[in-house]
Amino acid sequence: MPGSLRISVRAAAIGALLSLLAAPPAVRGQSLDAAYGWWWHDTSARLYTLTYHTPVIGPLSLGLGGVHVDDSRSVLDRTNTGGELSVLLGRSQRGLYGIGAAGLGVRHSDGNVDAAWSAGIGYTLRFLSFLAVGLEARYRVEDTDVSGFWNGNPEDRDGFQLQGRILIGGNVRNSNRTDRPPTTTPVPPSTVPSTGAPPSEESLRVATSIVETALGAMGTPYRWGGNDENGYDCSGLIQWAYGQHGIVLPRTSRDQARMGSAQDRTVTALMPGDVLTFAAGGAGVSHVGLYVGDGEFIHSSSSGVRLSSLLADDPDSRWWQQRWVGARRILN
């Protein structure tokens, strides 16, 4: 590979990384990743990747990006550039996750198309609401003849790859909110709910305690099927918070959406402890949250247990406002 082209590729990768830092994504749960690493086969190759990730369902997310394999240290120099589709399982705010990927790369020397696939594990650690770092270890196989996949070509190569990642996004929220629970007890709205009778003083007291219990779980990572301090999914958090006060709720979000009494879908009709229901895909309730007060609710999303707003004018708030379909009052 000519030296001038090698320098241009590196400059392009650095420029793309700087652009990511300047403009992190504003959509909940989505992220842009920049990675640099090594792949040990017959020699060592350097890897540069840029990937866009988006949640799909539960702990599953998909990634689409570009990969540059710098193989200039090898005698044959099979440097190539192409695309990669990846599937991630369990990646959230922090912790271990699994990854599998497959892609194609065009060789710089002769235009040959190389196919590659890899699988392994990674670990993510978030430092800021929009910034995280990670380390990934995979086993990578590259087939030099796409037309003869799995044909055992002697030029095929495989080995372990290790990459460091910078993640931009994935946990975007309003900058004037923090992950710490409020220092004061949430105050119920002064407006009497528009459906049903006003809640009793005892119901208000218990509902406030339930909200305080949920706020104590702030920052806990998302875990599909989780309902304890090791991690929660959306309905698991609400079931756990109510359960700490002797109130048993169903396990799934759709079943919780049928509990209690329906309330008007307006913030003034809500009181702390109401279960808010959301529909993300148009196929019924797919997410639930617990109303805290002052237009905010606590929930467990792909980035962990956190607060979101139904009033703020920011991308995160607008996303939830557009998908809010109902509210249920468990205590009357």
Protein backbone atom coordinates (compact mmCIF):
# COMPACT_ATOMS: atom_id res chain seq x y z
CA MET A 1 0.00 0.00 0.00
CA PRO A 2 1.55 3.37 -0.99
CA GLY A 3 2.62 5.59 1.88
CA SER A 4 0.46 8.50 0.72
CA LEU A 5 -2.68 6.33 0.68
CA ARG A 6 -1.86 4.93 4.13
CA ILE A 7 -1.56 8.46 5.51
CA SER A 8 -4.84 9.48 3.87
CA VAL A 9 -6.69 6.54 5.45
CA ARG A 10 -5.35 7.40 8.89
CA ALA A 11 -6.24 11.07 8.45
CA ALA A 12 -9.78 10.13 7.40
CA ALA A 13 -10.21 7.92 10.47
CA ILE A 14 -8.98 10.67 12.79
CA GLY A 15 -11.23 13.24 11.11
CA ALA A 16 -14.26 10.97 11.46
CA LEU A 17 -13.53 10.44 15.16
CA LEU A 18 -13.28 14.19 15.75
CA SER A 19 -16.60 14.73 14.01
CA LEU A 20 -18.22 12.15 16.30
CA LEU A 21 -16.91 13.92 19.38
CA ALA A 22 -18.26 17.23 18.09
CA ALA A 23 -21.74 15.89 17.30
CA PRO A 24 -22.86 12.97 19.49
CA PRO A 25 -26.13 11.31 18.49
CA ALA A 26 -29.32 12.66 20.08
CA VAL A 27 -31.49 9.56 19.84
CA ARG A 28 -32.06 7.47 22.96
CA GLY A 29 -29.97 4.32 23.13
CA GLN A 30 -28.10 4.84 19.85
CA SER A 31 -24.35 5.35 19.66
CA LEU A 32 -21.43 5.91 17.34
CA ASP A 33 -18.29 3.89 18.06
CA ALA A 34 -14.71 4.49 16.98
CA ALA A 35 -12.24 1.65 17.57
CA TYR A 36 -8.56 0.86 17.07
CA GLY A 37 -6.96 -2.54 17.59
CA TRP A 38 -4.79 -5.40 16.44
CA TRP A 39 -5.45 -8.73 14.74
CA TRP A 40 -2.88 -11.48 15.19
CA HIS A 41 -2.83 -14.01 12.33
CA ASP A 42 0.41 -14.94 10.53
CA THR A 43 1.58 -11.42 11.34
CA SER A 44 -0.21 -8.59 13.14
CA ALA A 45 -2.62 -6.26 11.33
CA ARG A 46 -4.08 -3.03 12.64
CA LEU A 47 -7.84 -2.45 12.63
CA TYR A 48 -9.74 0.84 12.37
CA THR A 49 -13.54 0.79 12.67
CA LEU A 50 -16.41 3.29 12.80
CA THR A 51 -19.79 1.78 13.72
CA TYR A 52 -23.33 3.04 14.29
CA HIS A 53 -25.29 1.01 16.87
CA THR A 54 -29.02 1.05 17.60
CA PRO A 55 -31.14 -1.01 20.06
CA VAL A 56 -33.57 -3.49 18.49
CA ILE A 57 -35.41 -5.31 21.28
CA GLY A 58 -34.52 -6.10 24.87
CA PRO A 59 -30.75 -6.65 25.19
CA LEU A 60 -30.24 -6.99 21.42
CA SER A 61 -28.74 -4.23 19.29
CA LEU A 62 -27.39 -4.02 15.74
CA GLY A 63 -24.38 -2.18 14.35
CA LEU A 64 -23.41 -1.10 10.83
CA GLY A 65 -20.02 0.38 10.11
CA GLY A 66 -16.81 0.54 8.13
CA VAL A 67 -13.62 -1.45 8.77
CA HIS A 68 -10.10 -0.77 7.53
CA VAL A 69 -7.58 -3.62 7.93
CA ASP A 70 -4.00 -2.32 7.66
CA ASP A 71 -1.96 -5.40 6.74
CA SER A 72 1.11 -3.49 5.51
CA ARG A 73 3.39 -5.41 7.91
CA SER A 74 2.64 -8.67 6.07
CA VAL A 75 4.70 -9.78 3.07
CA LEU A 76 1.54 -10.19 0.97
CA ASP A 77 -0.01 -6.94 2.27
CA ARG A 78 -3.70 -7.85 2.04
CA THR A 79 -4.81 -4.45 3.31
CA ASN A 80 -8.54 -3.99 2.69
CA THR A 81 -11.41 -1.60 3.44
CA GLY A 82 -15.10 -2.48 3.63
CA GLY A 83 -18.25 -2.76 5.73
CA GLU A 84 -19.34 -4.82 8.71
CA LEU A 85 -22.70 -5.80 10.24
CA SER A 86 -22.57 -6.64 13.94
CA VAL A 87 -25.02 -8.06 16.49
CA LEU A 88 -24.54 -7.22 20.19
CA LEU A 89 -26.17 -8.95 23.13
CA GLY A 90 -26.40 -7.27 26.52
CA ARG A 91 -24.42 -4.06 25.94
CA SER A 92 -25.74 -1.30 28.19
CA GLN A 93 -24.33 1.40 30.42
CA ARG A 94 -21.56 -0.81 31.78
CA GLY A 95 -20.55 -4.46 31.96
CA LEU A 96 -19.93 -7.45 29.73
CA TYR A 97 -21.65 -8.10 26.41
CA GLY A 98 -21.39 -10.56 23.52
CA ILE A 99 -20.74 -9.64 19.88
CA GLY A 100 -20.79 -11.35 16.51
CA ALA A 101 -19.98 -9.68 13.17
CA ALA A 102 -19.62 -10.37 9.47
CA GLY A 103 -18.41 -8.19 6.62
CA LEU A 104 -16.72 -7.75 3.26
CA GLY A 105 -13.55 -5.84 2.41
CA VAL A 106 -12.04 -4.80 -0.93
CA ARG A 107 -8.31 -5.49 -1.10
CA HIS A 108 -6.25 -2.41 -2.06
CA SER A 109 -3.58 -4.30 -4.02
CA ASP A 110 -5.72 -6.21 -6.54
CA GLY A 111 -9.40 -5.43 -5.82
CA ASN A 112 -10.16 -8.93 -4.50
CA VAL A 113 -13.15 -9.11 -2.12
CA ASP A 114 -12.33 -10.72 1.23
CA ALA A 115 -15.07 -11.97 3.58
CA ALA A 116 -14.61 -11.88 7.33
CA TRP A 117 -16.55 -12.91 10.40
CA SER A 118 -15.76 -12.69 14.10
CA ALA A 119 -17.23 -13.36 17.54
CA GLY A 120 -16.26 -12.58 21.11
CA ILE A 121 -16.98 -10.52 24.20
CA GLY A 122 -16.53 -6.91 25.27
CA TYR A 123 -16.73 -4.71 28.34
CA THR A 124 -18.16 -1.17 28.45
CA LEU A 125 -17.56 1.47 31.10
CA ARG A 126 -19.48 4.77 30.93
CA PHE A 127 -17.86 7.97 32.24
CA LEU A 128 -20.37 10.61 31.13
CA SER A 129 -24.00 10.51 29.96
CA PHE A 130 -22.80 10.64 26.32
CA LEU A 131 -19.31 9.11 26.54
CA ALA A 132 -18.10 5.57 27.28
CA VAL A 133 -15.06 3.43 26.60
CA GLY A 134 -14.81 -0.28 25.96
CA LEU A 135 -12.47 -3.18 25.29
CA GLU A 136 -13.34 -6.00 22.91
CA ALA A 137 -11.73 -9.42 22.33
CA ARG A 138 -12.82 -11.51 19.34
CA TYR A 139 -11.69 -14.43 17.21
CA ARG A 140 -11.59 -13.27 13.57
CA VAL A 141 -11.56 -15.35 10.36
CA GLU A 142 -10.93 -13.90 6.91
CA ASP A 143 -11.79 -15.86 3.75
CA THR A 144 -9.90 -14.69 0.66
CA ASP A 145 -12.33 -16.30 -1.81
CA VAL A 146 -15.97 -15.23 -1.32
CA SER A 147 -17.19 -17.52 -4.13
CA GLY A 148 -15.78 -20.53 -2.28
CA PHE A 149 -16.86 -19.78 1.28
CA TRP A 150 -15.50 -22.32 3.81
CA ASN A 151 -13.37 -23.98 1.12
CA GLY A 152 -10.22 -24.11 3.22
CA ASN A 153 -8.15 -21.90 0.93
CA PRO A 154 -4.54 -21.92 2.21
CA GLU A 155 -4.55 -18.11 1.95
CA ASP A 156 -7.38 -17.87 4.49
CA ARG A 157 -6.25 -16.52 7.83
CA ASP A 158 -7.56 -16.39 11.37
CA GLY A 159 -6.51 -15.20 14.80
CA PHE A 160 -7.45 -13.15 17.83
CA GLN A 161 -8.25 -9.46 17.62
CA LEU A 162 -8.24 -6.93 20.47
CA GLN A 163 -9.80 -3.46 20.13
CA GLY A 164 -10.28 -0.42 22.30
CA ARG A 165 -13.49 1.56 21.69
CA ILE A 166 -14.85 5.06 22.31
CA LEU A 167 -18.67 5.24 22.36
CA ILE A 168 -20.45 8.52 21.72
CA GLY A 169 -24.11 8.52 22.76
CA GLY A 170 -26.27 5.70 24.05
CA ASN A 171 -27.39 7.57 27.18
CA VAL A 172 -28.34 11.09 26.00
CA ARG A 173 -30.52 13.16 28.29
CA ASN A 174 -31.30 16.73 29.25
CA SER A 175 -28.09 18.35 30.50
CA ASN A 176 -29.76 19.99 33.52
CA ARG A 177 -30.70 16.63 35.06
CA THR A 178 -28.42 14.24 36.92
CA ASP A 179 -28.52 10.55 37.79
CA ARG A 180 -28.91 11.29 41.49
CA PRO A 181 -32.36 11.08 43.06
CA PRO A 182 -34.00 14.35 44.20
CA THR A 183 -33.14 15.48 47.71
CA THR A 184 -36.76 16.32 48.47
CA THR A 185 -39.84 14.13 48.50
CA PRO A 186 -41.78 14.31 45.22
CA VAL A 187 -44.84 16.55 45.61
CA PRO A 188 -48.15 15.26 44.15
CA PRO A 189 -49.78 17.59 41.61
CA SER A 190 -52.33 19.96 43.12
CA THR A 191 -54.87 19.17 40.40
CA VAL A 192 -57.32 16.39 41.31
CA PRO A 193 -57.04 13.48 38.84
CA SER A 194 -59.59 13.81 36.06
CA THR A 195 -60.61 10.15 36.25
CA GLY A 196 -61.65 8.37 39.42
CA ALA A 197 -61.84 9.65 42.99
CA PRO A 198 -59.02 11.60 44.65
CA PRO A 199 -56.49 9.21 46.23
CA SER A 200 -56.58 8.80 49.98
CA GLU A 201 -53.86 10.18 52.25
CA GLU A 202 -52.67 6.64 52.93
CA SER A 203 -52.42 5.93 49.19
CA LEU A 204 -50.40 9.12 48.69
CA ARG A 205 -48.04 8.14 51.51
CA VAL A 206 -47.46 4.62 50.15
CA ALA A 207 -47.10 5.88 46.55
CA THR A 208 -44.49 8.41 47.64
CA SER A 209 -42.54 5.66 49.45
CA ILE A 210 -42.67 3.48 46.32
CA VAL A 211 -41.23 6.32 44.24
CA GLU A 212 -38.44 6.86 46.77
CA THR A 213 -37.62 3.15 46.61
CA ALA A 214 -37.39 3.27 42.80
CA LEU A 215 -35.20 6.38 42.93
CA GLY A 216 -32.79 4.45 45.12
CA ALA A 217 -32.08 2.20 42.12
CA MET A 218 -30.87 5.08 39.91
CA GLY A 219 -27.85 4.12 37.81
CA THR A 220 -28.45 0.35 38.03
CA PRO A 221 -27.75 -1.23 34.61
CA TYR A 222 -30.45 -2.59 32.33
CA ARG A 223 -30.82 -6.38 32.46
CA TRP A 224 -33.38 -8.19 30.37
CA GLY A 225 -35.70 -10.07 32.72
CA GLY A 226 -34.00 -8.46 35.75
CA ASN A 227 -35.91 -7.40 38.87
CA ASP A 228 -33.21 -7.04 41.53
CA GLU A 229 -30.18 -4.89 42.35
CA ASN A 230 -28.09 -6.70 39.69
CA GLY A 231 -30.18 -5.06 36.97
CA TYR A 232 -33.75 -4.30 35.94
CA ASP A 233 -35.80 -4.25 32.81
CA CYS A 234 -38.67 -1.73 32.63
CA SER A 235 -41.41 -3.85 34.19
CA GLY A 236 -38.96 -5.52 36.58
CA LEU A 237 -38.11 -2.14 38.15
CA ILE A 238 -41.78 -1.31 38.78
CA GLN A 239 -42.61 -4.79 40.06
CA TRP A 240 -39.63 -4.60 42.44
CA ALA A 241 -40.44 -1.08 43.73
CA TYR A 242 -44.06 -1.97 44.47
CA GLY A 243 -43.06 -5.35 45.88
CA GLN A 244 -40.83 -3.70 48.49
CA HIS A 245 -44.05 -2.28 49.97
CA GLY A 246 -46.06 -5.49 49.88
CA ILE A 247 -47.88 -4.83 46.60
CA VAL A 248 -47.63 -7.60 44.01
CA LEU A 249 -47.77 -6.57 40.34
CA PRO A 250 -47.58 -8.75 37.22
CA ARG A 251 -44.18 -9.27 35.62
CA THR A 252 -44.69 -7.92 32.08
CA SER A 253 -45.33 -4.37 30.91
CA ARG A 254 -48.50 -5.37 29.05
CA ASP A 255 -49.98 -7.00 32.15
CA GLN A 256 -49.02 -4.01 34.32
CA ALA A 257 -50.81 -1.77 31.79
CA ARG A 258 -54.09 -3.48 32.76
CA MET A 259 -53.69 -2.99 36.52
CA GLY A 260 -55.42 -0.31 38.62
CA SER A 261 -57.53 2.44 37.07
CA ALA A 262 -56.92 4.41 33.88
CA GLN A 263 -55.98 8.08 34.14
CA ASP A 264 -56.14 10.85 31.57
CA ARG A 265 -52.98 11.10 29.44
CA THR A 266 -52.08 14.54 30.81
CA VAL A 267 -49.37 15.45 33.27
CA THR A 268 -51.84 17.35 35.49
CA ALA A 269 -53.85 14.14 35.96
CA LEU A 270 -50.87 12.21 37.33
CA MET A 271 -49.65 11.54 40.84
CA PRO A 272 -46.34 9.97 41.95
CA GLY A 273 -46.53 6.19 41.73
CA ASP A 274 -48.70 6.08 38.60
CA VAL A 275 -47.51 3.57 36.00
CA LEU A 276 -46.93 5.23 32.61
CA THR A 277 -47.27 3.06 29.51
CA PHE A 278 -45.47 3.54 26.19
CA ALA A 279 -45.78 1.92 22.75
CA ALA A 280 -42.58 2.02 20.70
CA GLY A 281 -43.56 -0.10 17.71
CA GLY A 282 -47.30 0.35 17.33
CA ALA A 283 -48.04 -3.19 18.57
CA GLY A 284 -49.33 -2.39 22.04
CA VAL A 285 -47.55 -1.45 25.26
CA SER A 286 -43.83 -2.22 25.07
CA HIS A 287 -42.41 -0.09 27.91
CA VAL A 288 -43.46 1.21 31.33
CA GLY A 289 -42.20 3.88 33.70
CA LEU A 290 -43.05 5.16 37.18
CA TYR A 291 -44.20 8.77 37.52
CA VAL A 292 -42.08 10.74 40.01
CA GLY A 293 -43.66 14.21 39.88
CA ASP A 294 -42.93 17.54 38.20
CA GLY A 295 -43.34 15.94 34.76
CA GLU A 296 -40.59 13.33 35.27
CA PHE A 297 -40.68 9.53 35.43
CA ILE A 298 -38.13 6.88 36.36
CA HIS A 299 -37.64 3.83 34.17
CA SER A 300 -35.09 1.23 33.10
CA SER A 301 -34.12 1.69 29.47
CA SER A 302 -31.18 0.38 27.44
CA SER A 303 -28.87 2.77 29.31
CA GLY A 304 -30.02 1.68 32.78
CA VAL A 305 -32.33 3.10 35.45
CA ARG A 306 -32.73 6.84 34.89
CA LEU A 307 -35.09 9.82 34.83
CA SER A 308 -36.82 11.15 31.73
CA SER A 309 -39.22 14.05 31.28
CA LEU A 310 -42.63 14.48 29.71
CA LEU A 311 -42.25 18.26 29.66
CA ALA A 312 -38.73 19.18 28.54
CA ASP A 313 -38.06 20.20 24.93
CA ASP A 314 -35.12 17.92 24.19
CA PRO A 315 -34.74 14.86 21.93
CA ASP A 316 -35.03 12.37 24.80
CA SER A 317 -38.23 13.98 26.15
CA ARG A 318 -39.84 14.32 22.72
CA TRP A 319 -39.11 10.66 21.99
CA TRP A 320 -41.09 9.57 25.06
CA GLN A 321 -43.88 12.13 24.60
CA GLN A 322 -44.59 10.77 21.13
CA ARG A 323 -44.88 7.20 22.45
CA TRP A 324 -46.76 7.81 25.72
CA VAL A 325 -50.11 6.00 25.40
CA GLY A 326 -51.54 5.83 28.91
CA ALA A 327 -51.31 5.93 32.71
CA ARG A 328 -52.55 3.53 35.37
CA ARG A 329 -53.15 4.31 39.06
CA ILE A 330 -52.45 1.28 41.20
CA LEU A 331 -53.37 2.91 44.54
CA ASN A 332 -56.66 4.79 45.11
